[in-house]
C-alpha atoms as a PDB file:
ATOM      1  CA  MET A   1     116.991  61.693  64.647  1.00  0.00           C
ATOM      2  CA  THR A   2     115.031  64.538  63.175  1.00  0.00           C
ATOM      3  CA  ALA A   3     113.595  64.586  59.715  1.00  0.00           C
ATOM      4  CA  PRO A   4     115.646  66.505  57.142  1.00  0.00           C
ATOM      5  CA  VAL A   5     114.432  70.018  56.457  1.00  0.00           C
ATOM      6  CA  SER A   6     114.346  71.103  52.865  1.00  0.00           C
ATOM      7  CA  PRO A   7     116.164  74.407  52.400  1.00  0.00           C
ATOM      8  CA  GLN A   8     114.116  77.442  51.456  1.00  0.00           C
ATOM      9  CA  PRO A   9     114.927  79.246  48.226  1.00  0.00           C
ATOM     10  CA  ALA A  10     117.332  82.119  48.765  1.00  0.00           C
ATOM     11  CA  GLY A  11     114.881  84.537  47.216  1.00  0.00           C
ATOM     12  CA  SER A  12     112.112  83.729  49.700  1.00  0.00           C
ATOM     13  CA  SER A  13     114.530  84.081  52.622  1.00  0.00           C
ATOM     14  CA  ASP A  14     115.726  87.468  51.359  1.00  0.00           C
ATOM     15  CA  ALA A  15     112.146  88.602  50.818  1.00  0.00           C
ATOM     16  CA  ALA A  16     111.158  87.569  54.340  1.00  0.00           C
ATOM     17  CA  HIS A  17     114.170  89.415  55.760  1.00  0.00           C
ATOM     18  CA  THR A  18     113.356  92.576  53.793  1.00  0.00           C
ATOM     19  CA  THR A  19     109.688  92.427  54.782  1.00  0.00           C
ATOM     20  CA  GLY A  20     110.626  91.829  58.412  1.00  0.00           C
ATOM     21  CA  MET A  21     112.987  94.831  58.385  1.00  0.00           C
ATOM     22  CA  ALA A  22     110.210  97.003  56.960  1.00  0.00           C
ATOM     23  CA  PHE A  23     107.742  95.872  59.631  1.00  0.00           C
ATOM     24  CA  VAL A  24     110.174  96.516  62.496  1.00  0.00           C
ATOM     25  CA  LEU A  25     111.134  99.941  61.126  1.00  0.00           C
ATOM     26  CA  LEU A  26     107.435 100.875  60.825  1.00  0.00           C
ATOM     27  CA  ALA A  27     106.908  99.749  64.420  1.00  0.00           C
ATOM     28  CA  ALA A  28     109.905 101.794  65.586  1.00  0.00           C
ATOM     29  CA  LEU A  29     108.590 104.827  63.695  1.00  0.00           C
ATOM     30  CA  GLY A  30     105.215 104.504  65.426  1.00  0.00           C
ATOM     31  CA  PHE A  31     106.706 104.081  68.897  1.00  0.00           C
ATOM     32  CA  ALA A  32     109.150 106.935  68.253  1.00  0.00           C
ATOM     33  CA  ALA A  33     106.313 109.367  67.490  1.00  0.00           C
ATOM     34  CA  VAL A  34     104.580 108.906  70.879  1.00  0.00           C
ATOM     35  CA  SER A  35     106.285 111.747  72.753  1.00  0.00           C
ATOM     36  CA  THR A  36     106.018 114.162  69.827  1.00  0.00           C
ATOM     37  CA  LEU A  37     102.302 113.543  69.241  1.00  0.00           C
ATOM     38  CA  THR A  38     101.671 113.801  72.977  1.00  0.00           C
ATOM     39  CA  SER A  39     103.455 117.168  72.951  1.00  0.00           C
ATOM     40  CA  VAL A  40     101.276 118.305  70.036  1.00  0.00           C
ATOM     41  CA  ALA A  41      98.113 117.458  71.993  1.00  0.00           C
ATOM     42  CA  ILE A  42      99.412 119.162  75.150  1.00  0.00           C
ATOM     43  CA  ARG A  43     100.167 122.339  73.200  1.00  0.00           C
ATOM     44  CA  GLU A  44      96.448 122.448  72.353  1.00  0.00           C
ATOM     45  CA  GLY A  45      95.622 123.006  76.014  1.00  0.00           C
ATOM     46  CA  THR A  46      95.002 119.494  77.308  1.00  0.00           C
ATOM     47  CA  SER A  47      97.013 117.532  79.907  1.00  0.00           C
ATOM     48  CA  VAL A  48      99.220 114.440  79.886  1.00  0.00           C
ATOM     49  CA  PRO A  49      96.730 112.413  82.013  1.00  0.00           C
ATOM     50  CA  ASN A  50      93.855 113.324  79.697  1.00  0.00           C
ATOM     51  CA  VAL A  51      95.796 112.469  76.534  1.00  0.00           C
ATOM     52  CA  LEU A  52      96.935 109.138  77.970  1.00  0.00           C
ATOM     53  CA  THR A  53      93.440 108.278  79.224  1.00  0.00           C
ATOM     54  CA  TRP A  54      91.799 108.757  75.840  1.00  0.00           C
ATOM     55  CA  ARG A  55      94.683 107.064  74.033  1.00  0.00           C
ATOM     56  CA  TYR A  56      94.406 103.925  76.163  1.00  0.00           C
ATOM     57  CA  VAL A  57      90.599 103.890  76.277  1.00  0.00           C
ATOM     58  CA  LEU A  58      90.435 103.944  72.486  1.00  0.00           C
ATOM     59  CA  ALA A  59      93.292 101.425  72.205  1.00  0.00           C
ATOM     60  CA  SER A  60      91.459  99.121  74.647  1.00  0.00           C
ATOM     61  CA  VAL A  61      88.379  99.117  72.436  1.00  0.00           C
ATOM     62  CA  VAL A  62      90.459  98.213  69.390  1.00  0.00           C
ATOM     63  CA  MET A  63      92.471  95.559  71.257  1.00  0.00           C
ATOM     64  CA  VAL A  64      89.316  93.909  72.647  1.00  0.00           C
ATOM     65  CA  GLY A  65      87.992  93.781  69.095  1.00  0.00           C
ATOM     66  CA  ILE A  66      91.200  92.059  67.958  1.00  0.00           C
ATOM     67  CA  ALA A  67      91.330  89.638  70.909  1.00  0.00           C
ATOM     68  CA  GLY A  68      87.627  88.826  70.734  1.00  0.00           C
ATOM     69  CA  VAL A  69      85.186  89.410  73.563  1.00  0.00           C
ATOM     70  CA  ARG A  70      84.793  85.678  74.189  1.00  0.00           C
ATOM     71  CA  GLY A  71      88.514  85.007  74.543  1.00  0.00           C
ATOM     72  CA  ILE A  72      89.105  87.290  77.537  1.00  0.00           C
ATOM     73  CA  PRO A  73      86.796  85.624  80.136  1.00  0.00           C
ATOM     74  CA  ARG A  74      88.380  82.207  79.455  1.00  0.00           C
ATOM     75  CA  MET A  75      91.539  83.241  81.274  1.00  0.00           C
ATOM     76  CA  PRO A  76      91.795  82.010  84.905  1.00  0.00           C
ATOM     77  CA  ARG A  77      90.571  84.626  87.386  1.00  0.00           C
ATOM     78  CA  ARG A  78      93.945  85.010  89.085  1.00  0.00           C
ATOM     79  CA  ASP A  79      95.774  85.618  85.804  1.00  0.00           C
ATOM     80  CA  PHE A  80      92.948  87.901  84.690  1.00  0.00           C
ATOM     81  CA  ALA A  81      93.357  90.024  87.834  1.00  0.00           C
ATOM     82  CA  MET A  82      97.165  90.022  87.619  1.00  0.00           C
ATOM     83  CA  TRP A  83      97.171  91.314  84.050  1.00  0.00           C
ATOM     84  CA  LEU A  84      94.497  93.884  84.810  1.00  0.00           C
ATOM     85  CA  ILE A  85      96.194  95.197  87.968  1.00  0.00           C
ATOM     86  CA  LEU A  86      99.920  94.588  87.533  1.00  0.00           C
ATOM     87  CA  GLY A  87     100.050  94.584  83.732  1.00  0.00           C
ATOM     88  CA  GLY A  88      97.794  97.592  83.342  1.00  0.00           C
ATOM     89  CA  GLY A  89      98.997  99.457  86.423  1.00  0.00           C
ATOM     90  CA  GLY A  90     102.659  98.963  85.541  1.00  0.00           C
ATOM     91  CA  GLN A  91     102.069 100.136  81.991  1.00  0.00           C
ATOM     92  CA  ALA A  92     100.207 103.229  83.175  1.00  0.00           C
ATOM     93  CA  LEU A  93     103.013 104.013  85.632  1.00  0.00           C
ATOM     94  CA  PHE A  94     106.007 103.919  83.287  1.00  0.00           C
ATOM     95  CA  VAL A  95     104.141 105.584  80.403  1.00  0.00           C
ATOM     96  CA  GLY A  96     102.833 108.311  82.697  1.00  0.00           C
ATOM     97  CA  LEU A  97     106.272 108.997  84.152  1.00  0.00           C
ATOM     98  CA  ALA A  98     107.954 109.037  80.748  1.00  0.00           C
ATOM     99  CA  LEU A  99     105.500 111.398  79.081  1.00  0.00           C
ATOM    100  CA  SER A 100     105.329 113.671  82.118  1.00  0.00           C
ATOM    101  CA  SER A 101     109.022 114.400  81.541  1.00  0.00           C
ATOM    102  CA  ILE A 102     108.413 116.174  78.206  1.00  0.00           C
ATOM    103  CA  LYS A 103     107.265 119.193  80.208  1.00  0.00           C
ATOM    104  CA  TYR A 104     110.882 119.622  81.312  1.00  0.00           C
ATOM    105  CA  ILE A 105     113.147 118.016  78.696  1.00  0.00           C
ATOM    106  CA  PRO A 106     113.135 117.651  74.880  1.00  0.00           C
ATOM    107  CA  VAL A 107     111.596 114.525  73.389  1.00  0.00           C
ATOM    108  CA  ALA A 108     115.010 113.476  72.032  1.00  0.00           C
ATOM    109  CA  THR A 109     116.478 113.495  75.547  1.00  0.00           C
ATOM    110  CA  LEU A 110     113.514 111.463  76.789  1.00  0.00           C
ATOM    111  CA  GLY A 111     113.973 108.970  73.948  1.00  0.00           C
ATOM    112  CA  PHE A 112     117.616 108.321  74.751  1.00  0.00           C
ATOM    113  CA  LEU A 113     117.178 108.218  78.534  1.00  0.00           C
ATOM    114  CA  PHE A 114     114.218 105.860  78.336  1.00  0.00           C
ATOM    115  CA  TYR A 115     116.197 103.592  76.022  1.00  0.00           C
ATOM    116  CA  THR A 116     118.460 102.696  78.951  1.00  0.00           C
ATOM    117  CA  TYR A 117     115.795 100.158  79.965  1.00  0.00           C
ATOM    118  CA  PRO A 118     117.766  97.153  78.548  1.00  0.00           C
ATOM    119  CA  ALA A 119     120.542  98.039  81.004  1.00  0.00           C
ATOM    120  CA  TRP A 120     118.021  98.105  83.849  1.00  0.00           C
ATOM    121  CA  VAL A 121     116.637  94.734  82.712  1.00  0.00           C
ATOM    122  CA  THR A 122     120.178  93.335  82.842  1.00  0.00           C
ATOM    123  CA  LEU A 123     120.695  94.687  86.354  1.00  0.00           C
ATOM    124  CA  VAL A 124     117.337  93.363  87.555  1.00  0.00           C
ATOM    125  CA  GLN A 125     118.067  89.914  86.140  1.00  0.00           C
ATOM    126  CA  ALA A 126     121.532  89.941  87.726  1.00  0.00           C
ATOM    127  CA  VAL A 127     120.122  90.872  91.139  1.00  0.00           C
ATOM    128  CA  ARG A 128     117.536  88.088  90.810  1.00  0.00           C
ATOM    129  CA  GLY A 129     120.294  85.646  89.908  1.00  0.00           C
ATOM    130  CA  ALA A 130     118.654  84.889  86.568  1.00  0.00           C
ATOM    131  CA  GLU A 131     121.639  86.080  84.505  1.00  0.00           C
ATOM    132  CA  GLN A 132     125.324  86.691  85.113  1.00  0.00           C
ATOM    133  CA  VAL A 133     127.035  90.024  84.510  1.00  0.00           C
ATOM    134  CA  THR A 134     129.828  89.072  82.107  1.00  0.00           C
ATOM    135  CA  MET A 135     132.617  91.377  81.021  1.00  0.00           C
ATOM    136  CA  GLN A 136     130.739  92.284  77.845  1.00  0.00           C
ATOM    137  CA  ARG A 137     127.615  93.126  79.816  1.00  0.00           C
ATOM    138  CA  ALA A 138     129.658  95.163  82.267  1.00  0.00           C
ATOM    139  CA  VAL A 139     131.060  97.197  79.361  1.00  0.00           C
ATOM    140  CA  ALA A 140     127.513  97.635  78.010  1.00  0.00           C
ATOM    141  CA  LEU A 141     126.289  98.860  81.390  1.00  0.00           C
ATOM    142  CA  ALA A 142     129.217 101.275  81.646  1.00  0.00           C
ATOM    143  CA  LEU A 143     128.435 102.628  78.165  1.00  0.00           C
ATOM    144  CA  SER A 144     124.758 102.999  78.982  1.00  0.00           C
ATOM    145  CA  PHE A 145     125.305 104.888  82.223  1.00  0.00           C
ATOM    146  CA  GLY A 146     128.138 106.862  80.633  1.00  0.00           C
ATOM    147  CA  GLY A 147     125.656 107.945  77.966  1.00  0.00           C
ATOM    148  CA  ILE A 148     123.324 109.138  80.721  1.00  0.00           C
ATOM    149  CA  ALA A 149     126.158 111.213  82.204  1.00  0.00           C
ATOM    150  CA  VAL A 150     126.872 112.803  78.827  1.00  0.00           C
ATOM    151  CA  ILE A 151     123.202 113.596  78.132  1.00  0.00           C
ATOM    152  CA  VAL A 152     122.377 115.125  81.493  1.00  0.00           C
ATOM    153  CA  GLY A 153     125.377 117.382  81.100  1.00  0.00           C
ATOM    154  CA  VAL A 154     123.928 118.941  77.940  1.00  0.00           C
ATOM    155  CA  PRO A 155     123.784 122.679  78.721  1.00  0.00           C
ATOM    156  CA  SER A 156     121.283 123.539  75.994  1.00  0.00           C
ATOM    157  CA  ALA A 157     118.631 121.102  77.189  1.00  0.00           C
ATOM    158  CA  THR A 158     117.159 123.510  79.722  1.00  0.00           C
ATOM    159  CA  ALA A 159     117.076 126.275  77.167  1.00  0.00           C
ATOM    160  CA  ILE A 160     115.284 124.023  74.698  1.00  0.00           C
ATOM    161  CA  SER A 161     112.677 122.946  77.235  1.00  0.00           C
ATOM    162  CA  GLY A 162     112.207 126.429  78.615  1.00  0.00           C
ATOM    163  CA  ALA A 163     112.729 125.212  82.174  1.00  0.00           C
ATOM    164  CA  GLY A 164     115.279 126.049  84.824  1.00  0.00           C
ATOM    165  CA  ASP A 165     117.958 123.707  86.073  1.00  0.00           C
ATOM    166  CA  GLY A 166     115.542 122.217  88.615  1.00  0.00           C
ATOM    167  CA  GLY A 167     113.010 121.523  85.884  1.00  0.00           C
ATOM    168  CA  PHE A 168     115.615 119.835  83.702  1.00  0.00           C
ATOM    169  CA  TRP A 169     116.689 117.500  86.491  1.00  0.00           C
ATOM    170  CA  THR A 170     113.036 116.748  87.261  1.00  0.00           C
ATOM    171  CA  GLY A 171     112.592 115.670  83.655  1.00  0.00           C
ATOM    172  CA  VAL A 172     115.716 113.506  83.791  1.00  0.00           C
ATOM    173  CA  ALA A 173     114.515 111.854  87.005  1.00  0.00           C
ATOM    174  CA  LEU A 174     111.081 111.140  85.494  1.00  0.00           C
ATOM    175  CA  ALA A 175     112.579 109.652  82.310  1.00  0.00           C
ATOM    176  CA  LEU A 176     115.061 107.437  84.166  1.00  0.00           C
ATOM    177  CA  SER A 177     112.376 106.340  86.652  1.00  0.00           C
ATOM    178  CA  ALA A 178     110.192 105.296  83.711  1.00  0.00           C
ATOM    179  CA  ALA A 179     113.087 103.325  82.190  1.00  0.00           C
ATOM    180  CA  PHE A 180     113.816 101.603  85.507  1.00  0.00           C
ATOM    181  CA  ILE A 181     110.164 100.638  86.052  1.00  0.00           C
ATOM    182  CA  TYR A 182     110.002  99.329  82.473  1.00  0.00           C
ATOM    183  CA  GLY A 183     113.099  97.273  83.275  1.00  0.00           C
ATOM    184  CA  LEU A 184     111.125  95.702  86.137  1.00  0.00           C
ATOM    185  CA  TYR A 185     107.979  95.396  84.029  1.00  0.00           C
ATOM    186  CA  ILE A 186     109.501  93.313  81.223  1.00  0.00           C
ATOM    187  CA  PRO A 187     110.566  90.295  83.358  1.00  0.00           C
ATOM    188  CA  MET A 188     107.271  90.481  85.246  1.00  0.00           C
ATOM    189  CA  ALA A 189     105.210  90.534  82.041  1.00  0.00           C
ATOM    190  CA  ARG A 190     107.219  87.635  80.651  1.00  0.00           C
ATOM    191  CA  GLN A 191     106.446  85.613  83.782  1.00  0.00           C
ATOM    192  CA  LEU A 192     102.746  86.499  83.663  1.00  0.00           C
ATOM    193  CA  GLN A 193     102.417  85.766  79.942  1.00  0.00           C
ATOM    194  CA  LYS A 194     102.635  81.958  80.338  1.00  0.00           C
ATOM    195  CA  SER A 195     100.723  80.399  77.433  1.00  0.00           C
ATOM    196  CA  HIS A 196      98.034  83.062  77.155  1.00  0.00           C
ATOM    197  CA  PRO A 197      97.366  84.601  73.725  1.00  0.00           C
ATOM    198  CA  VAL A 198      99.183  87.899  73.286  1.00  0.00           C
ATOM    199  CA  PRO A 199      96.084  89.808  72.036  1.00  0.00           C
ATOM    200  CA  VAL A 200      94.183  88.802  75.192  1.00  0.00           C
ATOM    201  CA  THR A 201      96.912  89.854  77.638  1.00  0.00           C
ATOM    202  CA  GLY A 202      97.524  93.003  75.602  1.00  0.00           C
ATOM    203  CA  ALA A 203      93.846  93.919  75.781  1.00  0.00           C
ATOM    204  CA  LEU A 204      93.732  93.358  79.551  1.00  0.00           C
ATOM    205  CA  ALA A 205      96.854  95.472  80.089  1.00  0.00           C
ATOM    206  CA  LYS A 206      95.356  98.293  78.018  1.00  0.00           C
ATOM    207  CA  ILE A 207      92.070  98.117  79.982  1.00  0.00           C
ATOM    208  CA  GLY A 208      93.909  98.158  83.314  1.00  0.00           C
ATOM    209  CA  ALA A 209      96.057 101.085  82.188  1.00  0.00           C
ATOM    210  CA  SER A 210      92.940 102.952  81.027  1.00  0.00           C
ATOM    211  CA  ILE A 211      91.331 102.621  84.459  1.00  0.00           C
ATOM    212  CA  CYS A 212      94.481 103.839  86.261  1.00  0.00           C
ATOM    213  CA  LEU A 213      94.937 106.760  83.890  1.00  0.00           C
ATOM    214  CA  LEU A 214      91.272 107.730  84.196  1.00  0.00           C
ATOM    215  CA  PHE A 215      91.654 107.960  87.979  1.00  0.00           C
ATOM    216  CA  TRP A 216      94.740 110.126  87.438  1.00  0.00           C
ATOM    217  CA  ALA A 217      92.949 112.474  85.028  1.00  0.00           C
ATOM    218  CA  VAL A 218      89.873 112.784  87.270  1.00  0.00           C
ATOM    219  CA  GLY A 219      92.014 113.330  90.365  1.00  0.00           C
ATOM    220  CA  ASP A 220      94.049 115.898  88.448  1.00  0.00           C
ATOM    221  CA  GLN A 221      90.757 117.571  87.399  1.00  0.00           C
ATOM    222  CA  SER A 222      91.954 117.524  83.793  1.00  0.00           C
ATOM    223  CA  PHE A 223      89.677 114.841  82.303  1.00  0.00           C
ATOM    224  CA  ASP A 224      87.951 116.418  79.333  1.00  0.00           C
ATOM    225  CA  TYR A 225      86.469 115.553  75.965  1.00  0.00           C
ATOM    226  CA  ALA A 226      85.953 119.135  74.711  1.00  0.00           C
ATOM    227  CA  MET A 227      89.316 119.332  72.992  1.00  0.00           C
ATOM    228  CA  THR A 228      90.378 120.954  69.740  1.00  0.00           C
ATOM    229  CA  GLY A 229      90.323 119.032  66.498  1.00  0.00           C
ATOM    230  CA  ARG A 230      94.132 119.083  66.425  1.00  0.00           C
ATOM    231  CA  ALA A 231      94.283 117.518  69.914  1.00  0.00           C
ATOM    232  CA  TRP A 232      91.782 114.809  68.952  1.00  0.00           C
ATOM    233  CA  GLY A 233      93.753 114.178  65.762  1.00  0.00           C
ATOM    234  CA  ALA A 234      96.945 113.686  67.778  1.00  0.00           C
ATOM    235  CA  ILE A 235      95.149 111.284  70.151  1.00  0.00           C
ATOM    236  CA  ALA A 236      93.691 109.328  67.234  1.00  0.00           C
ATOM    237  CA  ALA A 237      97.159 109.073  65.691  1.00  0.00           C
ATOM    238  CA  LEU A 238      98.565 107.951  69.047  1.00  0.00           C
ATOM    239  CA  THR A 239      95.911 105.246  69.272  1.00  0.00           C
ATOM    240  CA  VAL A 240      96.223 103.870  65.751  1.00  0.00           C
ATOM    241  CA  PHE A 241      99.770 104.625  64.621  1.00  0.00           C
ATOM    242  CA  CYS A 242     101.617 104.566  67.972  1.00  0.00           C
ATOM    243  CA  THR A 243      99.775 101.887  69.943  1.00  0.00           C
ATOM    244  CA  VAL A 244      97.794  99.352  67.896  1.00  0.00           C
ATOM    245  CA  LEU A 245      99.567  99.195  64.533  1.00  0.00           C
ATOM    246  CA  PRO A 246     103.153  99.244  65.915  1.00  0.00           C
ATOM    247  CA  SER A 247     102.306  96.246  68.104  1.00  0.00           C
ATOM    248  CA  LEU A 248     101.084  94.318  65.053  1.00  0.00           C
ATOM    249  CA  PHE A 249     104.033  95.470  62.932  1.00  0.00           C
ATOM    250  CA  PHE A 250     106.487  94.519  65.674  1.00  0.00           C
ATOM    251  CA  LEU A 251     105.082  90.987  66.001  1.00  0.00           C
ATOM    252  CA  SER A 252     105.049  90.554  62.209  1.00  0.00           C
ATOM    253  CA  GLY A 253     108.686  91.601  62.017  1.00  0.00           C
ATOM    254  CA  LEU A 254     109.614  89.437  64.996  1.00  0.00           C
ATOM    255  CA  ILE A 255     108.255  86.344  63.241  1.00  0.00           C
ATOM    256  CA  ARG A 256     110.429  87.000  60.194  1.00  0.00           C
ATOM    257  CA  LEU A 257     113.642  88.266  61.814  1.00  0.00           C
ATOM    258  CA  GLY A 258     113.768  86.558  65.197  1.00  0.00           C
ATOM    259  CA  PRO A 259     114.240  88.301  68.549  1.00  0.00           C
ATOM    260  CA  VAL A 260     117.906  89.314  68.234  1.00  0.00           C
ATOM    261  CA  ARG A 261     117.714  90.959  64.811  1.00  0.00           C
ATOM    262  CA  THR A 262     114.411  92.583  65.742  1.00  0.00           C
ATOM    263  CA  ALA A 263     115.941  94.107  68.865  1.00  0.00           C
ATOM    264  CA  ILE A 264     118.971  95.356  66.919  1.00  0.00           C
ATOM    265  CA  VAL A 265     116.858  96.995  64.209  1.00  0.00           C
ATOM    266  CA  SER A 266     114.727  98.586  66.953  1.00  0.00           C
ATOM    267  CA  THR A 267     117.746 100.543  68.213  1.00  0.00           C
ATOM    268  CA  VAL A 268     116.901 103.118  65.542  1.00  0.00           C
ATOM    269  CA  GLU A 269     113.901 104.184  67.663  1.00  0.00           C
ATOM    270  CA  PRO A 270     115.514 106.905  69.860  1.00  0.00           C
ATOM    271  CA  PHE A 271     117.158 108.500  66.818  1.00  0.00           C
ATOM    272  CA  LEU A 272     113.770 108.523  65.048  1.00  0.00           C
ATOM    273  CA  THR A 273     112.318 110.172  68.163  1.00  0.00           C
ATOM    274  CA  ALA A 274     114.960 112.892  67.918  1.00  0.00           C
ATOM    275  CA  ILE A 275     114.327 113.437  64.192  1.00  0.00           C
ATOM    276  CA  ILE A 276     110.533 113.616  64.588  1.00  0.00           C
ATOM    277  CA  GLY A 277     110.870 116.004  67.527  1.00  0.00           C
ATOM    278  CA  SER A 278     113.213 118.214  65.517  1.00  0.00           C
ATOM    279  CA  VAL A 279     110.928 118.337  62.462  1.00  0.00           C
ATOM    280  CA  VAL A 280     107.555 118.684  64.220  1.00  0.00           C
ATOM    281  CA  LEU A 281     108.451 120.548  67.423  1.00  0.00           C
ATOM    282  CA  GLY A 282     111.600 122.356  66.327  1.00  0.00           C
ATOM    283  CA  GLN A 283     113.671 120.838  69.148  1.00  0.00           C
ATOM    284  CA  ALA A 284     117.280 120.722  67.973  1.00  0.00           C
ATOM    285  CA  LEU A 285     119.465 117.733  68.842  1.00  0.00           C
ATOM    286  CA  SER A 286     122.747 118.903  70.370  1.00  0.00           C
ATOM    287  CA  PRO A 287     126.025 117.070  69.590  1.00  0.00           C
ATOM    288  CA  ARG A 288     126.435 115.945  73.221  1.00  0.00           C
ATOM    289  CA  ALA A 289     122.893 114.556  73.333  1.00  0.00           C
ATOM    290  CA  ALA A 290     123.601 112.655  70.103  1.00  0.00           C
ATOM    291  CA  ALA A 291     126.899 111.350  71.510  1.00  0.00           C
ATOM    292  CA  GLY A 292     125.281 110.179  74.734  1.00  0.00           C
ATOM    293  CA  GLY A 293     122.464 108.562  72.776  1.00  0.00           C
ATOM    294  CA  ALA A 294     124.962 106.772  70.549  1.00  0.00           C
ATOM    295  CA  MET A 295     126.673 105.358  73.672  1.00  0.00           C
ATOM    296  CA  ILE A 296     123.345 104.047  74.974  1.00  0.00           C
ATOM    297  CA  VAL A 297     122.430 102.476  71.623  1.00  0.00           C
ATOM    298  CA  THR A 298     125.897 100.868  71.418  1.00  0.00           C
ATOM    299  CA  ALA A 299     125.307  99.377  74.866  1.00  0.00           C
ATOM    300  CA  VAL A 300     121.998  97.898  73.698  1.00  0.00           C
ATOM    301  CA  LEU A 301     123.704  96.394  70.649  1.00  0.00           C
ATOM    302  CA  LEU A 302     126.368  94.790  72.868  1.00  0.00           C
ATOM    303  CA  LEU A 303     123.687  93.229  75.054  1.00  0.00           C
ATOM    304  CA  GLN A 304     121.836  91.860  72.014  1.00  0.00           C
ATOM    305  CA  PHE A 305     124.952  90.384  70.396  1.00  0.00           C
ATOM    306  CA  ARG A 306     125.683  88.588  73.662  1.00  0.00           C
ATOM    307  CA  ARG A 307     122.218  86.999  73.567  1.00  0.00           C
ATOM    308  CA  GLU A 308     122.788  85.941  69.941  1.00  0.00           C
ATOM    309  CA  ARG A 309     125.954  84.051  70.854  1.00  0.00           C
ATOM    310  CA  VAL A 310     124.252  82.352  73.792  1.00  0.00           C
ATOM    311  CA  ALA A 311     121.392  81.312  71.526  1.00  0.00           C
END
């Protein structure tokens, strides 16, 4: 038998729930601003590889400071190498693909298309035999991919992005490729995590991503530090408000709300991306894009409610 647990006062439970909601919403706001701030920096004459390189280099410095220099070498060499190569390389790949798409499609379209990654995680787990595709999950997958079909049929998207039809489809392909790779990355990262401290693995992944992105920027001949003050300001905001702080806010909210509620609250992220893009960049959200995004978010909610019942 287990010892009886004294109930917590209702007020403290409500306060923890409210605080947790605030933390998760702040995290979602930070993550949602990534594509818009990246667009701001690019409009100042720099490139996606250069912006990402400086963002992850600066984030690596901060994350190493949080993890502690002494804590990183204590990890076994094999795990150290796996997080540096696979963790960092995978992160650089899906982030690079996603943010490369904003050259062709609006940030709102990117936000909704990238948010199909829970559907890709479900498919990956089903193929691996780790999870079964129930009727509810099948409906969620149909909604998610139906949302993609609605979004890519938006006629005004190419006009908004200033690209031709070929450019629009290139952007869609980049965004969906990023979502698919992220769907592969999540189960892999969960397997690699083991019992290692999250700040340590997070720091290694940021360092590995920085190295990959630096090679990309140098190979692209776009690595540069002589940027405008506005570009540096956007990169600094990306580092602090879209990389480091959202991670801390997300974990703080996760502790208070639990994984299911945290995931459900996080579904506000693509809509925040659309709002920020509309306010800062002047990219209007069309009704069909909103409808397709709503279908994708509904699919994510269905997947999360299924996990809650299993738990």
